[in-house]
Amino acid sequence: YQLMLKLRDIDPEYRTMGSAFLNNGLRDITGGVSWSMLEQKLNLSVNAGFQQTKEATSVARVIYAFNAGYTSNKQLSVMVNYSNFSTTTRQTQLQ
């Protein structure tokens, strides 16, 4: 099995050199585990993460994912994926 833990912290003042879709001002924590079973014919993985912005309007995002793959022989392989994405936005008044 494999374990994964990742922490990403991007400063609110970070500026890109032209990338239009790179977020700034956020903290992202994710973790996951993957393993093989049945003589490596069945592969499973589970991932979960939490992301929050560091700005006046706070956005929190929770992500869950589950992946399963089964290979019986060279001609047949089946994959099943499930993910749950949710986003919450809270407005705050600046004074």
PDB file of N, CA and C in Angstrom:
ATOM      1  N   TYR A   1       0.829  -1.182   0.000  1.00  0.00           N
ATOM      2  CA  TYR A   1       0.000   0.000   0.000  1.00  0.00           C
ATOM      3  C   TYR A   1       0.867   1.237   0.000  1.00  0.00           C
ATOM      4  N   GLN A   2       0.283   2.358  -0.398  1.00  0.00           N
ATOM      5  CA  GLN A   2       0.983   3.639  -0.432  1.00  0.00           C
ATOM      6  C   GLN A   2       0.151   4.677   0.307  1.00  0.00           C
ATOM      7  N   LEU A   3       0.823   5.504   1.089  1.00  0.00           N
ATOM      8  CA  LEU A   3       0.178   6.627   1.778  1.00  0.00           C
ATOM      9  C   LEU A   3       0.655   7.929   1.150  1.00  0.00           C
ATOM     10  N   MET A   4      -0.247   8.921   1.110  1.00  0.00           N
ATOM     11  CA  MET A   4       0.093  10.205   0.533  1.00  0.00           C
ATOM     12  C   MET A   4      -0.480  11.309   1.422  1.00  0.00           C
ATOM     13  N   LEU A   5       0.335  12.302   1.726  1.00  0.00           N
ATOM     14  CA  LEU A   5      -0.118  13.487   2.456  1.00  0.00           C
ATOM     15  C   LEU A   5       0.517  14.695   1.794  1.00  0.00           C
ATOM     16  N   LYS A   6      -0.312  15.704   1.505  1.00  0.00           N
ATOM     17  CA  LYS A   6       0.178  16.870   0.773  1.00  0.00           C
ATOM     18  C   LYS A   6      -0.376  18.143   1.401  1.00  0.00           C
ATOM     19  N   LEU A   7       0.484  19.116   1.622  1.00  0.00           N
ATOM     20  CA  LEU A   7       0.096  20.433   2.125  1.00  0.00           C
ATOM     21  C   LEU A   7       0.595  21.470   1.129  1.00  0.00           C
ATOM     22  N   ARG A   8      -0.326  22.306   0.654  1.00  0.00           N
ATOM     23  CA  ARG A   8       0.019  23.383  -0.274  1.00  0.00           C
ATOM     24  C   ARG A   8      -0.485  24.677   0.324  1.00  0.00           C
ATOM     25  N   ASP A   9       0.393  25.660   0.444  1.00  0.00           N
ATOM     26  CA  ASP A   9       0.048  26.949   1.032  1.00  0.00           C
ATOM     27  C   ASP A   9       0.537  28.043   0.091  1.00  0.00           C
ATOM     28  N   ILE A  10      -0.413  28.751  -0.548  1.00  0.00           N
ATOM     29  CA  ILE A  10      -0.066  29.795  -1.515  1.00  0.00           C
ATOM     30  C   ILE A  10      -0.430  31.149  -0.921  1.00  0.00           C
ATOM     31  N   ASP A  11       0.519  32.035  -0.869  1.00  0.00           N
ATOM     32  CA  ASP A  11       0.356  33.363  -0.277  1.00  0.00           C
ATOM     33  C   ASP A  11      -0.644  34.205  -1.073  1.00  0.00           C
ATOM     34  N   PRO A  12      -1.446  35.059  -0.387  1.00  0.00           N
ATOM     35  CA  PRO A  12      -2.406  35.922  -1.103  1.00  0.00           C
ATOM     36  C   PRO A  12      -1.743  36.906  -2.068  1.00  0.00           C
ATOM     37  N   GLU A  13      -0.497  37.266  -1.832  1.00  0.00           N
ATOM     38  CA  GLU A  13       0.204  38.228  -2.688  1.00  0.00           C
ATOM     39  C   GLU A  13       0.936  37.557  -3.851  1.00  0.00           C
ATOM     40  N   TYR A  14       0.826  36.243  -3.992  1.00  0.00           N
ATOM     41  CA  TYR A  14       1.522  35.533  -5.064  1.00  0.00           C
ATOM     42  C   TYR A  14       0.980  35.943  -6.418  1.00  0.00           C
ATOM     43  N   ARG A  15       1.868  36.256  -7.340  1.00  0.00           N
ATOM     44  CA  ARG A  15       1.488  36.662  -8.696  1.00  0.00           C
ATOM     45  C   ARG A  15       2.132  35.715  -9.695  1.00  0.00           C
ATOM     46  N   THR A  16       1.363  35.305 -10.688  1.00  0.00           N
ATOM     47  CA  THR A  16       1.901  34.427 -11.720  1.00  0.00           C
ATOM     48  C   THR A  16       2.505  35.265 -12.831  1.00  0.00           C
ATOM     49  N   MET A  17       3.140  34.582 -13.749  1.00  0.00           N
ATOM     50  CA  MET A  17       3.711  35.275 -14.903  1.00  0.00           C
ATOM     51  C   MET A  17       2.852  34.997 -16.128  1.00  0.00           C
ATOM     52  N   GLY A  18       1.518  35.153 -15.967  1.00  0.00           N
ATOM     53  CA  GLY A  18       0.626  35.031 -17.105  1.00  0.00           C
ATOM     54  C   GLY A  18      -0.381  33.910 -17.022  1.00  0.00           C
ATOM     55  N   SER A  19      -0.250  33.001 -16.068  1.00  0.00           N
ATOM     56  CA  SER A  19      -1.218  31.913 -15.949  1.00  0.00           C
ATOM     57  C   SER A  19      -2.543  32.467 -15.448  1.00  0.00           C
ATOM     58  N   ALA A  20      -3.606  32.257 -16.211  1.00  0.00           N
ATOM     59  CA  ALA A  20      -4.893  32.878 -15.897  1.00  0.00           C
ATOM     60  C   ALA A  20      -5.679  32.127 -14.828  1.00  0.00           C
ATOM     61  N   PHE A  21      -5.446  30.852 -14.617  1.00  0.00           N
ATOM     62  CA  PHE A  21      -6.309  30.058 -13.749  1.00  0.00           C
ATOM     63  C   PHE A  21      -5.629  29.554 -12.486  1.00  0.00           C
ATOM     64  N   LEU A  22      -4.482  30.095 -12.108  1.00  0.00           N
ATOM     65  CA  LEU A  22      -3.807  29.670 -10.885  1.00  0.00           C
ATOM     66  C   LEU A  22      -4.371  30.444  -9.698  1.00  0.00           C
ATOM     67  N   ASN A  23      -4.834  29.721  -8.695  1.00  0.00           N
ATOM     68  CA  ASN A  23      -5.383  30.365  -7.503  1.00  0.00           C
ATOM     69  C   ASN A  23      -4.255  30.897  -6.627  1.00  0.00           C
ATOM     70  N   ASN A  24      -4.554  31.939  -5.872  1.00  0.00           N
ATOM     71  CA  ASN A  24      -3.624  32.407  -4.854  1.00  0.00           C
ATOM     72  C   ASN A  24      -4.411  32.655  -3.575  1.00  0.00           C
ATOM     73  N   GLY A  25      -3.719  32.747  -2.457  1.00  0.00           N
ATOM     74  CA  GLY A  25      -4.367  32.967  -1.177  1.00  0.00           C
ATOM     75  C   GLY A  25      -5.169  31.766  -0.708  1.00  0.00           C
ATOM     76  N   LEU A  26      -4.593  30.568  -0.766  1.00  0.00           N
ATOM     77  CA  LEU A  26      -5.329  29.395  -0.317  1.00  0.00           C
ATOM     78  C   LEU A  26      -4.420  28.393   0.376  1.00  0.00           C
ATOM     79  N   ARG A  27      -5.041  27.564   1.171  1.00  0.00           N
ATOM     80  CA  ARG A  27      -4.372  26.447   1.849  1.00  0.00           C
ATOM     81  C   ARG A  27      -5.096  25.178   1.448  1.00  0.00           C
ATOM     82  N   ASP A  28      -4.333  24.172   1.063  1.00  0.00           N
ATOM     83  CA  ASP A  28      -4.875  22.914   0.557  1.00  0.00           C
ATOM     84  C   ASP A  28      -4.199  21.766   1.298  1.00  0.00           C
ATOM     85  N   ILE A  29      -4.992  20.928   1.960  1.00  0.00           N
ATOM     86  CA  ILE A  29      -4.483  19.749   2.659  1.00  0.00           C
ATOM     87  C   ILE A  29      -5.200  18.528   2.096  1.00  0.00           C
ATOM     88  N   THR A  30      -4.441  17.569   1.565  1.00  0.00           N
ATOM     89  CA  THR A  30      -5.029  16.357   1.021  1.00  0.00           C
ATOM     90  C   THR A  30      -4.265  15.136   1.520  1.00  0.00           C
ATOM     91  N   GLY A  31      -4.949  14.024   1.565  1.00  0.00           N
ATOM     92  CA  GLY A  31      -4.341  12.771   1.967  1.00  0.00           C
ATOM     93  C   GLY A  31      -5.026  11.618   1.278  1.00  0.00           C
ATOM     94  N   GLY A  32      -4.325  10.508   1.201  1.00  0.00           N
ATOM     95  CA  GLY A  32      -4.924   9.365   0.549  1.00  0.00           C
ATOM     96  C   GLY A  32      -4.144   8.091   0.798  1.00  0.00           C
ATOM     97  N   VAL A  33      -4.760   6.998   0.439  1.00  0.00           N
ATOM     98  CA  VAL A  33      -4.129   5.685   0.552  1.00  0.00           C
ATOM     99  C   VAL A  33      -4.548   4.851  -0.663  1.00  0.00           C
ATOM    100  N   SER A  34      -3.627   4.041  -1.156  1.00  0.00           N
ATOM    101  CA  SER A  34      -3.942   3.125  -2.252  1.00  0.00           C
ATOM    102  C   SER A  34      -3.284   1.785  -1.964  1.00  0.00           C
ATOM    103  N   TRP A  35      -3.932   0.711  -2.431  1.00  0.00           N
ATOM    104  CA  TRP A  35      -3.407  -0.628  -2.191  1.00  0.00           C
ATOM    105  C   TRP A  35      -3.927  -1.593  -3.245  1.00  0.00           C
ATOM    106  N   SER A  36      -3.234  -2.712  -3.367  1.00  0.00           N
ATOM    107  CA  SER A  36      -3.607  -3.766  -4.312  1.00  0.00           C
ATOM    108  C   SER A  36      -3.988  -5.027  -3.543  1.00  0.00           C
ATOM    109  N   MET A  37      -4.917  -5.791  -4.129  1.00  0.00           N
ATOM    110  CA  MET A  37      -5.374  -7.033  -3.517  1.00  0.00           C
ATOM    111  C   MET A  37      -5.532  -8.093  -4.606  1.00  0.00           C
ATOM    112  N   LEU A  38      -5.771  -9.311  -4.203  1.00  0.00           N
ATOM    113  CA  LEU A  38      -6.043 -10.424  -5.124  1.00  0.00           C
ATOM    114  C   LEU A  38      -4.952 -10.550  -6.184  1.00  0.00           C
ATOM    115  N   GLU A  39      -3.707 -10.671  -5.723  1.00  0.00           N
ATOM    116  CA  GLU A  39      -2.544 -10.799  -6.609  1.00  0.00           C
ATOM    117  C   GLU A  39      -2.441  -9.638  -7.588  1.00  0.00           C
ATOM    118  N   GLN A  40      -2.702  -8.447  -7.122  1.00  0.00           N
ATOM    119  CA  GLN A  40      -2.638  -7.181  -7.858  1.00  0.00           C
ATOM    120  C   GLN A  40      -3.638  -7.096  -9.009  1.00  0.00           C
ATOM    121  N   LYS A  41      -4.710  -7.847  -8.926  1.00  0.00           N
ATOM    122  CA  LYS A  41      -5.781  -7.725  -9.914  1.00  0.00           C
ATOM    123  C   LYS A  41      -6.788  -6.652  -9.520  1.00  0.00           C
ATOM    124  N   LEU A  42      -6.918  -6.391  -8.212  1.00  0.00           N
ATOM    125  CA  LEU A  42      -7.836  -5.376  -7.700  1.00  0.00           C
ATOM    126  C   LEU A  42      -7.018  -4.251  -7.086  1.00  0.00           C
ATOM    127  N   ASN A  43      -7.180  -3.042  -7.606  1.00  0.00           N
ATOM    128  CA  ASN A  43      -6.482  -1.858  -7.100  1.00  0.00           C
ATOM    129  C   ASN A  43      -7.509  -0.876  -6.554  1.00  0.00           C
ATOM    130  N   LEU A  44      -7.301  -0.423  -5.310  1.00  0.00           N
ATOM    131  CA  LEU A  44      -8.218   0.501  -4.639  1.00  0.00           C
ATOM    132  C   LEU A  44      -7.459   1.740  -4.190  1.00  0.00           C
ATOM    133  N   SER A  45      -8.136   2.887  -4.209  1.00  0.00           N
ATOM    134  CA  SER A  45      -7.554   4.117  -3.665  1.00  0.00           C
ATOM    135  C   SER A  45      -8.662   5.008  -3.114  1.00  0.00           C
ATOM    136  N   VAL A  46      -8.335   5.693  -2.026  1.00  0.00           N
ATOM    137  CA  VAL A  46      -9.239   6.634  -1.367  1.00  0.00           C
ATOM    138  C   VAL A  46      -8.460   7.917  -1.129  1.00  0.00           C
ATOM    139  N   ASN A  47      -9.044   9.063  -1.486  1.00  0.00           N
ATOM    140  CA  ASN A  47      -8.419  10.372  -1.292  1.00  0.00           C
ATOM    141  C   ASN A  47      -9.428  11.322  -0.661  1.00  0.00           C
ATOM    142  N   ALA A  48      -8.931  12.211   0.181  1.00  0.00           N
ATOM    143  CA  ALA A  48      -9.777  13.240   0.795  1.00  0.00           C
ATOM    144  C   ALA A  48      -8.961  14.514   0.933  1.00  0.00           C
ATOM    145  N   GLY A  49      -9.628  15.644   0.810  1.00  0.00           N
ATOM    146  CA  GLY A  49      -8.911  16.908   0.909  1.00  0.00           C
ATOM    147  C   GLY A  49      -9.786  18.029   1.426  1.00  0.00           C
ATOM    148  N   PHE A  50      -9.132  19.086   1.894  1.00  0.00           N
ATOM    149  CA  PHE A  50      -9.803  20.287   2.385  1.00  0.00           C
ATOM    150  C   PHE A  50      -9.046  21.485   1.843  1.00  0.00           C
ATOM    151  N   GLN A  51      -9.778  22.430   1.280  1.00  0.00           N
ATOM    152  CA  GLN A  51      -9.170  23.642   0.728  1.00  0.00           C
ATOM    153  C   GLN A  51      -9.905  24.849   1.276  1.00  0.00           C
ATOM    154  N   GLN A  52      -9.165  25.869   1.698  1.00  0.00           N
ATOM    155  CA  GLN A  52      -9.771  27.090   2.226  1.00  0.00           C
ATOM    156  C   GLN A  52      -8.979  28.294   1.754  1.00  0.00           C
ATOM    157  N   THR A  53      -9.696  29.351   1.368  1.00  0.00           N
ATOM    158  CA  THR A  53      -9.038  30.578   0.930  1.00  0.00           C
ATOM    159  C   THR A  53      -8.687  31.431   2.144  1.00  0.00           C
ATOM    160  N   LYS A  54      -7.763  32.367   1.931  1.00  0.00           N
ATOM    161  CA  LYS A  54      -7.303  33.256   3.004  1.00  0.00           C
ATOM    162  C   LYS A  54      -7.728  34.693   2.740  1.00  0.00           C
ATOM    163  N   GLU A  55      -8.905  34.871   2.194  1.00  0.00           N
ATOM    164  CA  GLU A  55      -9.360  36.204   1.833  1.00  0.00           C
ATOM    165  C   GLU A  55     -10.582  36.589   2.661  1.00  0.00           C
ATOM    166  N   ALA A  56     -11.099  37.786   2.445  1.00  0.00           N
ATOM    167  CA  ALA A  56     -12.245  38.267   3.212  1.00  0.00           C
ATOM    168  C   ALA A  56     -13.482  37.405   2.971  1.00  0.00           C
ATOM    169  N   THR A  57     -13.681  36.955   1.734  1.00  0.00           N
ATOM    170  CA  THR A  57     -14.774  36.039   1.424  1.00  0.00           C
ATOM    171  C   THR A  57     -14.202  34.626   1.471  1.00  0.00           C
ATOM    172  N   SER A  58     -14.483  33.926   2.554  1.00  0.00           N
ATOM    173  CA  SER A  58     -13.891  32.608   2.776  1.00  0.00           C
ATOM    174  C   SER A  58     -14.624  31.536   1.969  1.00  0.00           C
ATOM    175  N   VAL A  59     -13.870  30.729   1.252  1.00  0.00           N
ATOM    176  CA  VAL A  59     -14.418  29.614   0.484  1.00  0.00           C
ATOM    177  C   VAL A  59     -13.783  28.334   1.019  1.00  0.00           C
ATOM    178  N   ALA A  60     -14.622  27.381   1.403  1.00  0.00           N
ATOM    179  CA  ALA A  60     -14.135  26.086   1.872  1.00  0.00           C
ATOM    180  C   ALA A  60     -14.600  25.013   0.909  1.00  0.00           C
ATOM    181  N   ARG A  61     -13.725  24.074   0.620  1.00  0.00           N
ATOM    182  CA  ARG A  61     -14.042  23.016  -0.331  1.00  0.00           C
ATOM    183  C   ARG A  61     -13.565  21.684   0.232  1.00  0.00           C
ATOM    184  N   VAL A  62     -14.459  20.706   0.271  1.00  0.00           N
ATOM    185  CA  VAL A  62     -14.146  19.366   0.751  1.00  0.00           C
ATOM    186  C   VAL A  62     -14.286  18.393  -0.420  1.00  0.00           C
ATOM    187  N   ILE A  63     -13.273  17.549  -0.611  1.00  0.00           N
ATOM    188  CA  ILE A  63     -13.266  16.623  -1.741  1.00  0.00           C
ATOM    189  C   ILE A  63     -13.021  15.205  -1.233  1.00  0.00           C
ATOM    190  N   TYR A  64     -13.856  14.266  -1.699  1.00  0.00           N
ATOM    191  CA  TYR A  64     -13.664  12.845  -1.420  1.00  0.00           C
ATOM    192  C   TYR A  64     -13.630  12.111  -2.754  1.00  0.00           C
ATOM    193  N   ALA A  65     -12.795  11.103  -2.855  1.00  0.00           N
ATOM    194  CA  ALA A  65     -12.750  10.306  -4.077  1.00  0.00           C
ATOM    195  C   ALA A  65     -12.432   8.858  -3.735  1.00  0.00           C
ATOM    196  N   PHE A  66     -13.052   7.957  -4.482  1.00  0.00           N
ATOM    197  CA  PHE A  66     -12.815   6.530  -4.342  1.00  0.00           C
ATOM    198  C   PHE A  66     -12.641   5.946  -5.738  1.00  0.00           C
ATOM    199  N   ASN A  67     -11.595   5.177  -5.930  1.00  0.00           N
ATOM    200  CA  ASN A  67     -11.306   4.565  -7.225  1.00  0.00           C
ATOM    201  C   ASN A  67     -11.059   3.078  -7.031  1.00  0.00           C
ATOM    202  N   ALA A  68     -11.615   2.266  -7.914  1.00  0.00           N
ATOM    203  CA  ALA A  68     -11.392   0.825  -7.892  1.00  0.00           C
ATOM    204  C   ALA A  68     -11.188   0.345  -9.317  1.00  0.00           C
ATOM    205  N   GLY A  69     -10.208  -0.502  -9.494  1.00  0.00           N
ATOM    206  CA  GLY A  69      -9.945  -1.075 -10.801  1.00  0.00           C
ATOM    207  C   GLY A  69      -9.686  -2.563 -10.682  1.00  0.00           C
ATOM    208  N   TYR A  70     -10.293  -3.334 -11.559  1.00  0.00           N
ATOM    209  CA  TYR A  70     -10.114  -4.776 -11.545  1.00  0.00           C
ATOM    210  C   TYR A  70      -9.699  -5.237 -12.939  1.00  0.00           C
ATOM    211  N   THR A  71      -8.610  -5.989 -13.019  1.00  0.00           N
ATOM    212  CA  THR A  71      -8.123  -6.531 -14.280  1.00  0.00           C
ATOM    213  C   THR A  71      -8.114  -8.047 -14.165  1.00  0.00           C
ATOM    214  N   SER A  72      -8.996  -8.707 -14.914  1.00  0.00           N
ATOM    215  CA  SER A  72      -9.052 -10.163 -14.837  1.00  0.00           C
ATOM    216  C   SER A  72      -8.053 -10.813 -15.792  1.00  0.00           C
ATOM    217  N   ASN A  73      -7.860 -10.202 -16.962  1.00  0.00           N
ATOM    218  CA  ASN A  73      -6.862 -10.676 -17.921  1.00  0.00           C
ATOM    219  C   ASN A  73      -6.514  -9.517 -18.852  1.00  0.00           C
ATOM    220  N   LYS A  74      -5.765  -9.770 -19.894  1.00  0.00           N
ATOM    221  CA  LYS A  74      -5.336  -8.690 -20.791  1.00  0.00           C
ATOM    222  C   LYS A  74      -6.483  -8.097 -21.608  1.00  0.00           C
ATOM    223  N   GLN A  75      -7.580  -8.824 -21.738  1.00  0.00           N
ATOM    224  CA  GLN A  75      -8.698  -8.343 -22.545  1.00  0.00           C
ATOM    225  C   GLN A  75      -9.772  -7.624 -21.731  1.00  0.00           C
ATOM    226  N   LEU A  76      -9.818  -7.813 -20.409  1.00  0.00           N
ATOM    227  CA  LEU A  76     -10.898  -7.243 -19.602  1.00  0.00           C
ATOM    228  C   LEU A  76     -10.353  -6.463 -18.412  1.00  0.00           C
ATOM    229  N   SER A  77     -10.734  -5.210 -18.354  1.00  0.00           N
ATOM    230  CA  SER A  77     -10.372  -4.332 -17.239  1.00  0.00           C
ATOM    231  C   SER A  77     -11.585  -3.457 -16.918  1.00  0.00           C
ATOM    232  N   VAL A  78     -11.951  -3.357 -15.651  1.00  0.00           N
ATOM    233  CA  VAL A  78     -13.116  -2.583 -15.225  1.00  0.00           C
ATOM    234  C   VAL A  78     -12.660  -1.539 -14.202  1.00  0.00           C
ATOM    235  N   MET A  79     -13.112  -0.291 -14.392  1.00  0.00           N
ATOM    236  CA  MET A  79     -12.792   0.803 -13.466  1.00  0.00           C
ATOM    237  C   MET A  79     -14.084   1.415 -12.921  1.00  0.00           C
ATOM    238  N   VAL A  80     -14.098   1.715 -11.625  1.00  0.00           N
ATOM    239  CA  VAL A  80     -15.221   2.391 -10.981  1.00  0.00           C
ATOM    240  C   VAL A  80     -14.661   3.573 -10.214  1.00  0.00           C
ATOM    241  N   ASN A  81     -15.236   4.752 -10.422  1.00  0.00           N
ATOM    242  CA  ASN A  81     -14.789   5.977  -9.753  1.00  0.00           C
ATOM    243  C   ASN A  81     -15.986   6.683  -9.134  1.00  0.00           C
ATOM    244  N   TYR A  82     -15.787   7.220  -7.933  1.00  0.00           N
ATOM    245  CA  TYR A  82     -16.809   8.023  -7.273  1.00  0.00           C
ATOM    246  C   TYR A  82     -16.112   9.223  -6.646  1.00  0.00           C
ATOM    247  N   SER A  83     -16.683  10.395  -6.807  1.00  0.00           N
ATOM    248  CA  SER A  83     -16.139  11.584  -6.151  1.00  0.00           C
ATOM    249  C   SER A  83     -17.275  12.483  -5.711  1.00  0.00           C
ATOM    250  N   ASN A  84     -17.053  13.182  -4.625  1.00  0.00           N
ATOM    251  CA  ASN A  84     -18.049  14.080  -4.052  1.00  0.00           C
ATOM    252  C   ASN A  84     -17.375  15.438  -3.878  1.00  0.00           C
ATOM    253  N   PHE A  85     -17.874  16.427  -4.567  1.00  0.00           N
ATOM    254  CA  PHE A  85     -17.326  17.766  -4.468  1.00  0.00           C
ATOM    255  C   PHE A  85     -18.382  18.687  -3.873  1.00  0.00           C
ATOM    256  N   SER A  86     -18.003  19.467  -2.881  1.00  0.00           N
ATOM    257  CA  SER A  86     -18.930  20.450  -2.316  1.00  0.00           C
ATOM    258  C   SER A  86     -18.167  21.730  -2.023  1.00  0.00           C
ATOM    259  N   THR A  87     -18.825  22.852  -2.215  1.00  0.00           N
ATOM    260  CA  THR A  87     -18.218  24.154  -1.992  1.00  0.00           C
ATOM    261  C   THR A  87     -19.147  25.008  -1.151  1.00  0.00           C
ATOM    262  N   THR A  88     -18.591  25.709  -0.164  1.00  0.00           N
ATOM    263  CA  THR A  88     -19.347  26.609   0.689  1.00  0.00           C
ATOM    264  C   THR A  88     -18.695  27.987   0.646  1.00  0.00           C
ATOM    265  N   THR A  89     -19.484  29.044   0.448  1.00  0.00           N
ATOM    266  CA  THR A  89     -18.973  30.408   0.415  1.00  0.00           C
ATOM    267  C   THR A  89     -19.634  31.222   1.513  1.00  0.00           C
ATOM    268  N   ARG A  90     -18.808  31.932   2.286  1.00  0.00           N
ATOM    269  CA  ARG A  90     -19.319  32.828   3.336  1.00  0.00           C
ATOM    270  C   ARG A  90     -18.894  34.249   3.018  1.00  0.00           C
ATOM    271  N   GLN A  91     -19.848  35.147   2.986  1.00  0.00           N
ATOM    272  CA  GLN A  91     -19.514  36.547   2.732  1.00  0.00           C
ATOM    273  C   GLN A  91     -19.276  37.267   4.056  1.00  0.00           C
ATOM    274  N   THR A  92     -18.283  38.138   4.044  1.00  0.00           N
ATOM    275  CA  THR A  92     -18.023  38.979   5.207  1.00  0.00           C
ATOM    276  C   THR A  92     -18.002  40.431   4.750  1.00  0.00           C
ATOM    277  N   GLN A  93     -18.402  41.335   5.614  1.00  0.00           N
ATOM    278  CA  GLN A  93     -18.455  42.746   5.278  1.00  0.00           C
ATOM    279  C   GLN A  93     -17.147  43.407   5.685  1.00  0.00           C
ATOM    280  N   LEU A  94     -16.541  44.109   4.741  1.00  0.00           N
ATOM    281  CA  LEU A  94     -15.312  44.858   5.020  1.00  0.00           C
ATOM    282  C   LEU A  94     -15.653  46.232   5.553  1.00  0.00           C
ATOM    283  N   GLN A  95     -14.957  46.629   6.570  1.00  0.00           N
ATOM    284  CA  GLN A  95     -15.204  47.962   7.153  1.00  0.00           C
ATOM    285  C   GLN A  95     -13.984  48.822   7.060  1.00  0.00           C
TER     286      GLN A  95
END
